């Protein structure tokens, strides 16, 4: 088995700490028990080599032997090929995980990212530009509520779909976007109580704190 190398920034400001997306990969690696090491690239001075691995200058990316892969959804699908703790081996189970993986990224995160950027930027709730984003996000999370009311995890056993969905919902909850969705909040609590998440979060926070 080749070494897995996860690359993230050497430092980020305090506000996004705990939400930088290398957390999702750390979490998956911890759930699967796959050995890995973490390397860093500069946050402030992004070199040409960074863009070779991640063409948008973002993080993370994962190197697995001669494979370098970016985008957290793609990385987690790749890791799922290594461990049935992340994706089940039966076709039905794999299909469920795949569809919910894309739902987390395309249906929920697509709505949450512009909304959270507005909040990070300090736009108050009565800003005209925020109102359609609030409505769009509310409609999406309302659809998640009855689903999570009936399921412990999205696709049967815990999987990469839950890593992604829980992390997406976690950012929404940070800004009280789930005040009317108790099942969503209970789902986040279940997911973030897992030892693998707790270790991944602690490791990320310690990684960035070392650069202060």
Protein backbone atom coordinates (compact mmCIF):
# COMPACT_ATOMS: atom_id res chain seq x y z
CA UNK A 1 0.00 0.00 0.00
CA UNK A 2 1.45 3.36 -1.01
CA UNK A 3 1.77 6.30 1.36
CA UNK A 4 -1.13 8.73 1.40
CA UNK A 5 -0.12 12.37 1.61
CA UNK A 6 -2.73 15.03 2.38
CA UNK A 7 -1.76 18.62 1.56
CA UNK A 8 -3.39 21.64 3.15
CA UNK A 9 -2.43 25.23 3.90
CA UNK A 10 0.31 26.01 6.41
CA UNK A 11 -1.98 28.59 8.06
CA UNK A 12 -5.42 30.17 7.69
CA UNK A 13 -7.16 32.99 9.61
CA UNK A 14 -9.05 31.98 12.72
CA UNK A 15 -12.56 32.32 11.25
CA UNK A 16 -12.41 29.39 8.80
CA UNK A 17 -10.46 27.09 11.11
CA UNK A 18 -12.43 23.94 11.76
CA UNK A 19 -14.12 24.30 8.37
CA UNK A 20 -11.20 24.10 5.91
CA UNK A 21 -12.02 21.16 3.70
CA UNK A 22 -8.97 19.08 4.45
CA UNK A 23 -11.05 18.22 7.54
CA UNK A 24 -13.29 16.03 5.38
CA UNK A 25 -10.33 14.06 4.11
CA UNK A 26 -8.76 13.75 7.55
CA UNK A 27 -12.10 12.49 8.86
CA UNK A 28 -12.40 9.86 6.13
CA UNK A 29 -8.83 8.69 6.65
CA UNK A 30 -9.43 8.36 10.38
CA UNK A 31 -12.70 6.48 9.87
CA UNK A 32 -10.97 4.04 7.52
CA UNK A 33 -7.85 3.70 9.65
CA UNK A 34 -5.64 4.45 6.66
CA UNK A 35 -2.13 5.70 7.47
CA UNK A 36 -1.30 9.13 6.06
CA UNK A 37 0.83 12.17 6.61
CA UNK A 38 0.05 15.86 6.22
CA UNK A 39 2.11 18.36 4.25
CA UNK A 40 1.63 22.10 3.84
CA UNK A 41 1.70 24.76 1.16
CA UNK A 42 1.83 28.51 1.85
CA UNK A 43 -1.47 30.26 2.34
CA UNK A 44 -0.12 33.72 1.54
CA UNK A 45 2.29 32.96 -1.31
CA UNK A 46 0.92 30.23 -3.55
CA UNK A 47 3.59 28.83 -5.85
CA UNK A 48 3.30 27.38 -9.34
CA UNK A 49 3.63 23.86 -7.94
CA UNK A 50 0.47 24.39 -5.93
CA UNK A 51 -1.53 25.02 -9.10
CA UNK A 52 -0.16 21.85 -10.67
CA UNK A 53 -1.99 19.84 -8.01
CA UNK A 54 -4.96 22.17 -7.47
CA UNK A 55 -5.65 24.42 -10.48
CA UNK A 56 -7.75 26.87 -8.43
CA UNK A 57 -5.11 27.42 -5.76
CA UNK A 58 -7.26 25.80 -3.09
CA UNK A 59 -6.76 22.88 -0.70
CA UNK A 60 -6.76 20.03 -0.09
CA UNK A 61 -5.34 17.50 -2.45
CA UNK A 62 -4.27 13.92 -1.86
CA UNK A 63 -1.31 12.07 -3.33
CA UNK A 64 -1.65 8.30 -3.51
CA UNK A 65 1.45 6.89 -5.17
CA UNK A 66 1.53 8.35 -8.67
CA UNK A 67 -2.04 9.70 -8.36
CA UNK A 68 -2.67 13.30 -7.30
CA UNK A 69 -6.34 14.09 -6.81
CA UNK A 70 -8.16 17.28 -5.76
CA UNK A 71 -11.76 18.18 -4.80
CA UNK A 72 -12.92 16.64 -1.55
CA UNK A 73 -15.77 14.70 -3.13
CA UNK A 74 -13.39 13.10 -5.61
CA UNK A 75 -10.84 12.39 -2.88
CA UNK A 76 -13.43 10.70 -0.68
CA UNK A 77 -14.70 8.58 -3.56
CA UNK A 78 -11.09 7.56 -4.21
CA UNK A 79 -10.59 6.62 -0.56
CA UNK A 80 -13.81 4.64 -0.71
CA UNK A 81 -12.09 2.34 -3.18
CA UNK A 82 -9.59 1.57 -0.43
CA UNK A 83 -11.97 0.89 2.40
CA UNK A 84 -15.45 -0.59 2.78
CA UNK A 85 -15.74 1.48 5.96
CA UNK A 86 -16.29 4.45 3.65
CA UNK A 87 -18.33 2.92 0.81
CA UNK A 88 -20.05 -0.49 0.93
CA UNK A 89 -19.06 -3.07 -1.65
CA UNK A 90 -22.55 -4.09 -2.84
CA UNK A 91 -23.90 -2.25 -5.92
CA UNK A 92 -27.06 -0.97 -4.20
CA UNK A 93 -25.11 0.42 -1.27
CA UNK A 94 -22.54 2.04 -3.53
CA UNK A 95 -25.27 3.68 -5.57
CA UNK A 96 -26.90 5.13 -2.44
CA UNK A 97 -23.61 6.51 -1.18
CA UNK A 98 -22.78 7.99 -4.58
CA UNK A 99 -26.10 9.78 -4.97
CA UNK A 100 -26.00 11.24 -1.46
CA UNK A 101 -22.37 12.27 -1.93
CA UNK A 102 -23.38 14.36 -4.93
CA UNK A 103 -26.50 15.60 -3.15
CA UNK A 104 -24.37 16.97 -0.32
CA UNK A 105 -22.14 18.82 -2.77
CA UNK A 106 -24.58 19.82 -5.51
CA UNK A 107 -27.92 20.28 -3.74
CA UNK A 108 -26.97 21.48 -0.26
CA UNK A 109 -23.49 22.96 -0.45
CA UNK A 110 -24.33 24.75 -3.69
CA UNK A 111 -27.01 26.63 -1.74
CA UNK A 112 -24.98 27.11 1.43
CA UNK A 113 -21.76 28.54 -0.02
CA UNK A 114 -23.10 31.87 -1.38
CA UNK A 115 -25.27 32.20 1.73
CA UNK A 116 -22.35 31.69 4.09
CA UNK A 117 -20.13 34.07 2.09
CA UNK A 118 -22.74 36.79 2.56
CA UNK A 119 -22.75 36.16 6.31
CA UNK A 120 -18.95 35.98 6.54
CA UNK A 121 -18.87 39.30 4.71
CA UNK A 122 -21.17 40.93 7.26
CA UNK A 123 -24.33 41.43 5.20
CA UNK A 124 -27.34 41.69 7.58
CA UNK A 125 -30.42 39.53 7.13
CA UNK A 126 -32.48 42.38 5.65
CA UNK A 127 -30.00 42.93 2.81
CA UNK A 128 -31.98 42.54 -0.45
CA UNK A 129 -29.29 40.32 -1.98
CA UNK A 130 -29.48 37.92 0.98
CA UNK A 131 -33.21 37.29 0.88
CA UNK A 132 -33.24 34.97 -2.16
CA UNK A 133 -30.22 33.11 -0.81
CA UNK A 134 -31.98 32.63 2.54
CA UNK A 135 -35.08 31.31 0.78
CA UNK A 136 -33.08 28.99 -1.49
CA UNK A 137 -31.12 27.47 1.38
CA UNK A 138 -34.21 27.14 3.57
CA UNK A 139 -36.00 25.19 0.86
CA UNK A 140 -33.07 22.79 0.52
CA UNK A 141 -32.63 22.05 4.23
CA UNK A 142 -36.39 21.65 4.65
CA UNK A 143 -36.18 18.71 2.25
CA UNK A 144 -33.41 17.16 4.36
CA UNK A 145 -35.40 17.34 7.59
CA UNK A 146 -37.89 14.46 6.96
CA UNK A 147 -35.12 12.30 5.49
CA UNK A 148 -32.90 12.67 8.54
CA UNK A 149 -35.86 12.22 10.84
CA UNK A 150 -36.17 8.66 9.52
CA UNK A 151 -32.52 7.65 9.14
CA UNK A 152 -29.48 7.45 11.36
CA UNK A 153 -27.19 7.71 8.31
CA UNK A 154 -27.98 8.55 4.72
CA UNK A 155 -27.15 5.28 2.97
CA UNK A 156 -27.44 2.64 5.68
CA UNK A 157 -24.07 2.40 7.44
CA UNK A 158 -21.99 5.53 8.01
CA UNK A 159 -20.18 6.49 4.80
CA UNK A 160 -18.45 9.29 2.92
CA UNK A 161 -21.91 10.65 2.12
CA UNK A 162 -22.36 11.37 5.83
CA UNK A 163 -18.92 12.96 6.12
CA UNK A 164 -19.80 15.39 3.36
CA UNK A 165 -23.41 16.06 4.34
CA UNK A 166 -22.63 16.51 8.02
CA UNK A 167 -19.78 18.89 7.25
CA UNK A 168 -21.92 20.93 4.86
CA UNK A 169 -24.75 21.14 7.38
CA UNK A 170 -22.31 21.96 10.18
CA UNK A 171 -21.37 25.25 8.52
CA UNK A 172 -25.04 26.13 8.02
CA UNK A 173 -25.70 25.38 11.68
CA UNK A 174 -22.78 27.60 12.71
CA UNK A 175 -24.85 30.57 11.50
CA UNK A 176 -28.17 29.29 12.90
CA UNK A 177 -29.41 28.20 9.49
CA UNK A 178 -30.91 25.02 10.96
CA UNK A 179 -32.90 26.61 13.77
CA UNK A 180 -36.10 25.03 12.41
CA UNK A 181 -34.55 21.65 11.51
CA UNK A 182 -34.01 19.64 14.71
CA UNK A 183 -33.44 16.37 12.83
CA UNK A 184 -30.63 17.98 10.84
CA UNK A 185 -29.05 19.26 14.03
CA UNK A 186 -29.36 15.85 15.70
CA UNK A 187 -27.69 14.29 12.65
CA UNK A 188 -24.78 16.73 12.94
CA UNK A 189 -24.46 15.90 16.64
CA UNK A 190 -24.32 12.15 15.89
CA UNK A 191 -21.72 12.61 13.19
CA UNK A 192 -19.48 15.00 15.09
CA UNK A 193 -19.56 12.78 18.19
CA UNK A 194 -17.65 10.12 16.27
CA UNK A 195 -14.04 9.69 17.48
CA UNK A 196 -12.71 10.02 13.92
CA UNK A 197 -14.29 13.46 13.54
CA UNK A 198 -13.04 14.62 16.92
CA UNK A 199 -9.48 13.60 16.07
CA UNK A 200 -9.65 15.13 12.58
CA UNK A 201 -10.92 18.43 13.99
CA UNK A 202 -8.33 18.53 16.77
CA UNK A 203 -5.54 17.75 14.32
CA UNK A 204 -6.64 20.48 11.93
CA UNK A 205 -6.90 23.08 14.67
CA UNK A 206 -3.47 22.12 16.03
CA UNK A 207 -1.97 22.22 12.53
CA UNK A 208 -3.02 25.82 11.95
CA UNK A 209 -2.26 26.92 15.52
CA UNK A 210 1.37 25.83 15.15
CA UNK A 211 1.85 28.51 12.48
CA UNK A 212 0.53 31.40 14.63
